[in-house]
C-alpha atoms as a PDB file:
ATOM      1  CA  MET A   1      -1.477  83.427  79.641  1.00  0.00           C
ATOM      2  CA  ILE A   2      -3.588  80.291  79.778  1.00  0.00           C
ATOM      3  CA  TYR A   3      -5.190  78.657  82.757  1.00  0.00           C
ATOM      4  CA  GLU A   4      -5.592  74.993  83.540  1.00  0.00           C
ATOM      5  CA  MET A   5      -8.552  73.941  85.627  1.00  0.00           C
ATOM      6  CA  ARG A   6      -8.115  70.584  87.325  1.00  0.00           C
ATOM      7  CA  VAL A   7     -10.839  68.801  89.285  1.00  0.00           C
ATOM      8  CA  TYR A   8      -9.814  65.898  91.493  1.00  0.00           C
ATOM      9  CA  ARG A   9     -12.621  63.584  92.603  1.00  0.00           C
ATOM     10  CA  CYS A  10     -11.339  61.738  95.689  1.00  0.00           C
ATOM     11  CA  VAL A  11     -11.971  58.229  96.874  1.00  0.00           C
ATOM     12  CA  PRO A  12     -14.689  58.677  99.561  1.00  0.00           C
ATOM     13  CA  GLY A  13     -13.140  59.908 102.785  1.00  0.00           C
ATOM     14  CA  ARG A  14      -9.705  60.714 101.246  1.00  0.00           C
ATOM     15  CA  LEU A  15     -10.143  64.444 100.559  1.00  0.00           C
ATOM     16  CA  PRO A  16      -8.358  65.379 103.855  1.00  0.00           C
ATOM     17  CA  ALA A  17      -5.320  63.317 102.729  1.00  0.00           C
ATOM     18  CA  LEU A  18      -5.298  65.126  99.368  1.00  0.00           C
ATOM     19  CA  LEU A  19      -5.500  68.554 100.982  1.00  0.00           C
ATOM     20  CA  LYS A  20      -2.681  67.676 103.364  1.00  0.00           C
ATOM     21  CA  ARG A  21      -0.514  66.443 100.472  1.00  0.00           C
ATOM     22  CA  PHE A  22      -0.982  69.686  98.528  1.00  0.00           C
ATOM     23  CA  ASP A  23      -0.369  71.861 101.611  1.00  0.00           C
ATOM     24  CA  SER A  24       2.712  70.076 102.924  1.00  0.00           C
ATOM     25  CA  ILE A  25       4.314  68.566  99.780  1.00  0.00           C
ATOM     26  CA  THR A  26       2.967  69.448  96.349  1.00  0.00           C
ATOM     27  CA  LEU A  27       3.028  73.258  96.567  1.00  0.00           C
ATOM     28  CA  LYS A  28       6.730  73.196  97.579  1.00  0.00           C
ATOM     29  CA  LEU A  29       7.573  70.998  94.592  1.00  0.00           C
ATOM     30  CA  TRP A  30       5.579  73.252  92.279  1.00  0.00           C
ATOM     31  CA  GLU A  31       7.574  76.232  93.516  1.00  0.00           C
ATOM     32  CA  LYS A  32      10.765  74.312  92.748  1.00  0.00           C
ATOM     33  CA  HIS A  33       9.556  73.773  89.172  1.00  0.00           C
ATOM     34  CA  GLY A  34       8.111  77.252  88.621  1.00  0.00           C
ATOM     35  CA  ILE A  35       4.482  76.118  88.564  1.00  0.00           C
ATOM     36  CA  LYS A  36       2.095  78.969  89.549  1.00  0.00           C
ATOM     37  CA  GLN A  37      -1.197  78.170  91.190  1.00  0.00           C
ATOM     38  CA  ALA A  38      -4.134  80.545  90.717  1.00  0.00           C
ATOM     39  CA  GLY A  39      -6.508  79.223  93.387  1.00  0.00           C
ATOM     40  CA  PHE A  40      -7.733  76.132  95.191  1.00  0.00           C
ATOM     41  CA  PHE A  41     -11.346  75.351  96.041  1.00  0.00           C
ATOM     42  CA  THR A  42     -13.360  72.601  97.732  1.00  0.00           C
ATOM     43  CA  THR A  43     -16.969  72.007  96.727  1.00  0.00           C
ATOM     44  CA  LEU A  44     -19.397  73.575  99.162  1.00  0.00           C
ATOM     45  CA  VAL A  45     -22.525  72.823  97.090  1.00  0.00           C
ATOM     46  CA  GLY A  46     -22.448  70.588  94.029  1.00  0.00           C
ATOM     47  CA  LEU A  47     -22.360  67.054  92.778  1.00  0.00           C
ATOM     48  CA  SER A  48     -19.755  65.886  95.294  1.00  0.00           C
ATOM     49  CA  ASN A  49     -18.144  67.237  98.428  1.00  0.00           C
ATOM     50  CA  GLN A  50     -15.201  64.927  97.738  1.00  0.00           C
ATOM     51  CA  GLU A  51     -13.711  67.208  95.096  1.00  0.00           C
ATOM     52  CA  LEU A  52     -10.792  69.619  94.940  1.00  0.00           C
ATOM     53  CA  THR A  53     -10.764  72.145  92.093  1.00  0.00           C
ATOM     54  CA  TYR A  54      -7.727  74.268  91.358  1.00  0.00           C
ATOM     55  CA  PHE A  55      -6.305  76.527  88.682  1.00  0.00           C
ATOM     56  CA  LEU A  56      -2.769  76.784  87.347  1.00  0.00           C
ATOM     57  CA  ALA A  57      -1.418  79.723  85.358  1.00  0.00           C
ATOM     58  CA  TRP A  58       0.834  79.015  82.389  1.00  0.00           C
ATOM     59  CA  ASP A  59       2.641  81.296  79.936  1.00  0.00           C
ATOM     60  CA  SER A  60       1.870  78.854  77.104  1.00  0.00           C
ATOM     61  CA  MET A  61       1.187  75.198  76.407  1.00  0.00           C
ATOM     62  CA  ALA A  62       4.917  74.710  75.879  1.00  0.00           C
ATOM     63  CA  ASP A  63       5.566  76.246  79.302  1.00  0.00           C
ATOM     64  CA  ARG A  64       3.062  73.855  80.800  1.00  0.00           C
ATOM     65  CA  GLU A  65       4.518  70.797  79.075  1.00  0.00           C
ATOM     66  CA  LYS A  66       8.055  71.582  80.232  1.00  0.00           C
ATOM     67  CA  LYS A  67       7.213  72.345  83.865  1.00  0.00           C
ATOM     68  CA  TRP A  68       4.504  69.715  84.384  1.00  0.00           C
ATOM     69  CA  THR A  69       6.722  66.980  82.915  1.00  0.00           C
ATOM     70  CA  ALA A  70       9.592  68.017  85.178  1.00  0.00           C
ATOM     71  CA  PHE A  71       7.301  67.930  88.216  1.00  0.00           C
ATOM     72  CA  GLN A  72       5.636  64.590  87.312  1.00  0.00           C
ATOM     73  CA  THR A  73       9.045  62.913  86.868  1.00  0.00           C
ATOM     74  CA  ASP A  74      10.746  64.488  89.911  1.00  0.00           C
ATOM     75  CA  PRO A  75      11.971  61.682  92.168  1.00  0.00           C
ATOM     76  CA  ALA A  76      10.891  63.731  95.241  1.00  0.00           C
ATOM     77  CA  TRP A  77       7.304  63.838  93.901  1.00  0.00           C
ATOM     78  CA  LEU A  78       7.243  60.157  92.951  1.00  0.00           C
ATOM     79  CA  SER A  79       8.482  59.204  96.429  1.00  0.00           C
ATOM     80  CA  ALA A  80       6.082  61.562  98.233  1.00  0.00           C
ATOM     81  CA  ARG A  81       3.122  60.369  96.178  1.00  0.00           C
ATOM     82  CA  ALA A  82       3.918  56.726  96.964  1.00  0.00           C
ATOM     83  CA  GLU A  83       4.314  57.495 100.651  1.00  0.00           C
ATOM     84  CA  THR A  84       1.020  59.416 100.868  1.00  0.00           C
ATOM     85  CA  GLU A  85      -0.804  56.617  99.037  1.00  0.00           C
ATOM     86  CA  LYS A  86       0.560  53.779 101.192  1.00  0.00           C
ATOM     87  CA  ASP A  87      -2.870  53.547 102.863  1.00  0.00           C
ATOM     88  CA  GLY A  88      -4.622  53.472  99.498  1.00  0.00           C
ATOM     89  CA  GLN A  89      -5.417  55.538  96.466  1.00  0.00           C
ATOM     90  CA  ILE A  90      -6.465  59.136  97.148  1.00  0.00           C
ATOM     91  CA  VAL A  91      -7.781  60.406  93.832  1.00  0.00           C
ATOM     92  CA  GLU A  92     -10.448  58.453  91.965  1.00  0.00           C
ATOM     93  CA  ASN A  93     -10.289  60.546  88.768  1.00  0.00           C
ATOM     94  CA  ILE A  94      -9.005  63.818  87.375  1.00  0.00           C
ATOM     95  CA  VAL A  95     -10.635  66.108  84.823  1.00  0.00           C
ATOM     96  CA  ASN A  96      -8.708  69.027  83.391  1.00  0.00           C
ATOM     97  CA  GLN A  97      -9.374  71.795  80.904  1.00  0.00           C
ATOM     98  CA  PHE A  98      -7.221  74.540  79.428  1.00  0.00           C
ATOM     99  CA  LEU A  99      -8.875  77.950  79.504  1.00  0.00           C
ATOM    100  CA  GLN A 100      -8.025  81.190  77.727  1.00  0.00           C
ATOM    101  CA  PRO A 101      -9.293  84.464  79.186  1.00  0.00           C
ATOM    102  CA  THR A 102     -11.620  86.546  77.069  1.00  0.00           C
ATOM    103  CA  THR A 103     -10.737  90.155  76.177  1.00  0.00           C
ATOM    104  CA  PHE A 104     -13.208  91.351  78.861  1.00  0.00           C
ATOM    105  CA  SER A 105     -12.112  88.981  81.626  1.00  0.00           C
ATOM    106  CA  SER A 106     -10.882  90.490  84.922  1.00  0.00           C
ATOM    107  CA  VAL A 107      -8.321  87.653  84.888  1.00  0.00           C
ATOM    108  CA  LYS A 108      -5.751  88.009  82.077  1.00  0.00           C
END
């Protein structure tokens, strides 16, 4: 199992729109494509309170490639993304990392 950590830095004031999109659209599409989330977090104290950090759980990099590509090219996602960004861009930038649990990690 590998984990992907993704940090979305929002355009100022657009974090509520991103949270709404995940809650009402994105998670349903992930379920359709077999994408497993492992937690979502907003920044309470840190560099920016305009960030959303979340983790995805993958069986392998090949699993990630297959499922993420299917999601990113899904016409339902492309349409929903365009609709939710009709008032302007939501995410300013995205940083992601792939993490592998250590042998002593409580998360495997």
